[in-house]
């Protein structure tokens, strides 16, 4: 089974979606769970990406520029954080930069009211 590191961008099948407000379809997502725990647990925690860009939406949206196999600029939808089975992941497509991961971590702290 593939190893998942915090900051990896992976391709995830979010179907079936249970409610209309939940993110669906096959789309990229950023792994935000701890790398060590990812090796132990049967699931990972991810933040889905979207190409429906919203400018100036920090801290809940972080822009991730296209690179490697992420073919379009995308927004990390921090408000849609999900724990998913590793079976939903088909491949690793990229990794994000340290400053992008810091902005996502800051968004998660704001969403969850953590210090």
C-alpha atoms as a PDB file:
ATOM      1  CA  UNK A   1       0.000   0.000   0.000  1.00  0.00           C
ATOM      2  CA  UNK A   2       1.139   3.530  -0.759  1.00  0.00           C
ATOM      3  CA  UNK A   3       2.721   5.683   1.961  1.00  0.00           C
ATOM      4  CA  UNK A   4       1.090   9.074   2.529  1.00  0.00           C
ATOM      5  CA  UNK A   5       2.973  12.121   3.775  1.00  0.00           C
ATOM      6  CA  UNK A   6       1.457  15.306   5.141  1.00  0.00           C
ATOM      7  CA  UNK A   7       1.455  17.756   2.230  1.00  0.00           C
ATOM      8  CA  UNK A   8       1.077  15.135  -0.518  1.00  0.00           C
ATOM      9  CA  UNK A   9      -1.504  15.869  -3.183  1.00  0.00           C
ATOM     10  CA  UNK A  10      -3.411  12.687  -4.024  1.00  0.00           C
ATOM     11  CA  UNK A  11      -6.248  11.768  -6.356  1.00  0.00           C
ATOM     12  CA  UNK A  12      -9.335  10.737  -4.326  1.00  0.00           C
ATOM     13  CA  UNK A  13     -12.697   9.249  -5.263  1.00  0.00           C
ATOM     14  CA  UNK A  14     -15.153  11.142  -3.012  1.00  0.00           C
ATOM     15  CA  UNK A  15     -18.173   9.253  -4.421  1.00  0.00           C
ATOM     16  CA  UNK A  16     -20.676   8.369  -3.264  1.00  0.00           C
ATOM     17  CA  UNK A  17     -21.546  11.641  -1.608  1.00  0.00           C
ATOM     18  CA  UNK A  18     -24.186  11.319   1.110  1.00  0.00           C
ATOM     19  CA  UNK A  19     -25.506  14.890   0.980  1.00  0.00           C
ATOM     20  CA  UNK A  20     -25.522  17.559  -1.744  1.00  0.00           C
ATOM     21  CA  UNK A  21     -23.348  19.871   0.381  1.00  0.00           C
ATOM     22  CA  UNK A  22     -20.570  17.258   0.588  1.00  0.00           C
ATOM     23  CA  UNK A  23     -17.793  17.308  -1.964  1.00  0.00           C
ATOM     24  CA  UNK A  24     -18.095  14.555  -4.567  1.00  0.00           C
ATOM     25  CA  UNK A  25     -16.465  13.086  -7.690  1.00  0.00           C
ATOM     26  CA  UNK A  26     -12.841  12.133  -8.284  1.00  0.00           C
ATOM     27  CA  UNK A  27     -10.635  15.100  -7.441  1.00  0.00           C
ATOM     28  CA  UNK A  28      -7.253  15.994  -5.967  1.00  0.00           C
ATOM     29  CA  UNK A  29      -6.912  16.454  -2.219  1.00  0.00           C
ATOM     30  CA  UNK A  30      -4.091  17.392   0.128  1.00  0.00           C
ATOM     31  CA  UNK A  31      -3.125  15.025   2.929  1.00  0.00           C
ATOM     32  CA  UNK A  32      -3.231  16.963   6.219  1.00  0.00           C
ATOM     33  CA  UNK A  33      -2.953  14.125   8.741  1.00  0.00           C
ATOM     34  CA  UNK A  34       0.350  13.311  10.435  1.00  0.00           C
ATOM     35  CA  UNK A  35       2.740  11.212   8.340  1.00  0.00           C
ATOM     36  CA  UNK A  36       3.486   8.789  11.194  1.00  0.00           C
ATOM     37  CA  UNK A  37      -0.213   8.199  11.889  1.00  0.00           C
ATOM     38  CA  UNK A  38      -0.859   7.739   8.172  1.00  0.00           C
ATOM     39  CA  UNK A  39       1.395   4.654   8.268  1.00  0.00           C
ATOM     40  CA  UNK A  40      -0.550   3.178  11.210  1.00  0.00           C
ATOM     41  CA  UNK A  41      -4.198   3.980  10.508  1.00  0.00           C
ATOM     42  CA  UNK A  42      -6.427   2.645   7.703  1.00  0.00           C
ATOM     43  CA  UNK A  43      -7.570   6.176   6.823  1.00  0.00           C
ATOM     44  CA  UNK A  44      -6.042   9.579   6.134  1.00  0.00           C
ATOM     45  CA  UNK A  45      -7.381  13.083   6.596  1.00  0.00           C
ATOM     46  CA  UNK A  46      -7.506  15.263   3.490  1.00  0.00           C
ATOM     47  CA  UNK A  47      -8.581  18.693   2.306  1.00  0.00           C
ATOM     48  CA  UNK A  48     -10.231  18.469  -1.148  1.00  0.00           C
ATOM     49  CA  UNK A  49      -9.225  20.785  -3.991  1.00  0.00           C
ATOM     50  CA  UNK A  50     -11.493  22.620  -6.415  1.00  0.00           C
ATOM     51  CA  UNK A  51     -10.903  24.569  -9.617  1.00  0.00           C
ATOM     52  CA  UNK A  52     -13.814  26.882  -8.708  1.00  0.00           C
ATOM     53  CA  UNK A  53     -11.480  29.573  -7.425  1.00  0.00           C
ATOM     54  CA  UNK A  54     -12.488  32.187  -4.862  1.00  0.00           C
ATOM     55  CA  UNK A  55     -10.091  35.098  -4.438  1.00  0.00           C
ATOM     56  CA  UNK A  56      -9.266  36.525  -1.007  1.00  0.00           C
ATOM     57  CA  UNK A  57     -10.958  33.693   0.903  1.00  0.00           C
ATOM     58  CA  UNK A  58      -8.271  33.001   3.506  1.00  0.00           C
ATOM     59  CA  UNK A  59      -8.241  31.290   5.913  1.00  0.00           C
ATOM     60  CA  UNK A  60     -10.760  28.763   4.508  1.00  0.00           C
ATOM     61  CA  UNK A  61      -9.398  28.683   0.957  1.00  0.00           C
ATOM     62  CA  UNK A  62      -5.720  28.434   0.029  1.00  0.00           C
ATOM     63  CA  UNK A  63      -4.638  28.749  -3.608  1.00  0.00           C
ATOM     64  CA  UNK A  64      -2.465  25.889  -4.846  1.00  0.00           C
ATOM     65  CA  UNK A  65      -0.780  26.609  -8.202  1.00  0.00           C
ATOM     66  CA  UNK A  66      -0.678  23.929 -10.898  1.00  0.00           C
ATOM     67  CA  UNK A  67       2.436  21.738 -10.989  1.00  0.00           C
ATOM     68  CA  UNK A  68       3.424  18.162 -11.729  1.00  0.00           C
ATOM     69  CA  UNK A  69       0.156  16.249 -12.305  1.00  0.00           C
ATOM     70  CA  UNK A  70      -2.020  18.965 -10.766  1.00  0.00           C
ATOM     71  CA  UNK A  71      -2.971  20.458 -14.116  1.00  0.00           C
ATOM     72  CA  UNK A  72      -4.933  23.544 -12.992  1.00  0.00           C
ATOM     73  CA  UNK A  73      -4.657  26.149 -10.265  1.00  0.00           C
ATOM     74  CA  UNK A  74      -6.885  25.006  -7.415  1.00  0.00           C
ATOM     75  CA  UNK A  75      -8.234  26.113  -4.050  1.00  0.00           C
ATOM     76  CA  UNK A  76      -7.865  23.922  -0.989  1.00  0.00           C
ATOM     77  CA  UNK A  77     -11.371  23.772   0.526  1.00  0.00           C
ATOM     78  CA  UNK A  78     -10.408  23.694   4.192  1.00  0.00           C
ATOM     79  CA  UNK A  79     -14.052  23.815   5.294  1.00  0.00           C
ATOM     80  CA  UNK A  80     -14.508  20.388   3.612  1.00  0.00           C
ATOM     81  CA  UNK A  81     -11.866  18.483   5.594  1.00  0.00           C
ATOM     82  CA  UNK A  82     -12.536  14.718   5.444  1.00  0.00           C
ATOM     83  CA  UNK A  83     -11.206  11.504   6.932  1.00  0.00           C
ATOM     84  CA  UNK A  84     -11.229   8.892   4.163  1.00  0.00           C
ATOM     85  CA  UNK A  85     -10.270   5.276   3.672  1.00  0.00           C
ATOM     86  CA  UNK A  86      -6.928   4.835   1.943  1.00  0.00           C
ATOM     87  CA  UNK A  87      -8.849   2.690  -0.572  1.00  0.00           C
ATOM     88  CA  UNK A  88     -10.342   5.904  -2.001  1.00  0.00           C
ATOM     89  CA  UNK A  89      -6.883   7.120  -3.117  1.00  0.00           C
ATOM     90  CA  UNK A  90      -5.713   6.117  -6.580  1.00  0.00           C
ATOM     91  CA  UNK A  91      -2.357   7.902  -6.838  1.00  0.00           C
ATOM     92  CA  UNK A  92      -0.059  10.633  -5.581  1.00  0.00           C
ATOM     93  CA  UNK A  93       0.066  13.497  -8.065  1.00  0.00           C
ATOM     94  CA  UNK A  94       2.216  16.155  -6.372  1.00  0.00           C
ATOM     95  CA  UNK A  95       3.316  17.722  -3.086  1.00  0.00           C
ATOM     96  CA  UNK A  96       2.692  21.226  -1.836  1.00  0.00           C
ATOM     97  CA  UNK A  97       5.287  23.722  -0.647  1.00  0.00           C
ATOM     98  CA  UNK A  98       6.003  24.321   3.027  1.00  0.00           C
ATOM     99  CA  UNK A  99       4.422  27.810   2.983  1.00  0.00           C
ATOM    100  CA  UNK A 100       1.249  26.418   1.353  1.00  0.00           C
ATOM    101  CA  UNK A 101       1.040  23.731   4.049  1.00  0.00           C
ATOM    102  CA  UNK A 102       1.513  26.413   6.729  1.00  0.00           C
ATOM    103  CA  UNK A 103      -1.429  28.387   5.296  1.00  0.00           C
ATOM    104  CA  UNK A 104      -3.585  25.248   5.251  1.00  0.00           C
ATOM    105  CA  UNK A 105      -2.596  24.466   8.859  1.00  0.00           C
ATOM    106  CA  UNK A 106      -3.550  28.046   9.802  1.00  0.00           C
ATOM    107  CA  UNK A 107      -6.910  27.577   8.066  1.00  0.00           C
ATOM    108  CA  UNK A 108      -7.512  24.318   9.960  1.00  0.00           C
ATOM    109  CA  UNK A 109      -6.705  26.066  13.239  1.00  0.00           C
ATOM    110  CA  UNK A 110      -9.223  28.809  12.404  1.00  0.00           C
ATOM    111  CA  UNK A 111     -11.892  26.298  11.340  1.00  0.00           C
ATOM    112  CA  UNK A 112     -11.478  24.222  14.489  1.00  0.00           C
ATOM    113  CA  UNK A 113     -10.820  27.191  16.810  1.00  0.00           C
ATOM    114  CA  UNK A 114      -7.407  25.836  17.818  1.00  0.00           C
ATOM    115  CA  UNK A 115      -4.583  28.036  19.061  1.00  0.00           C
END
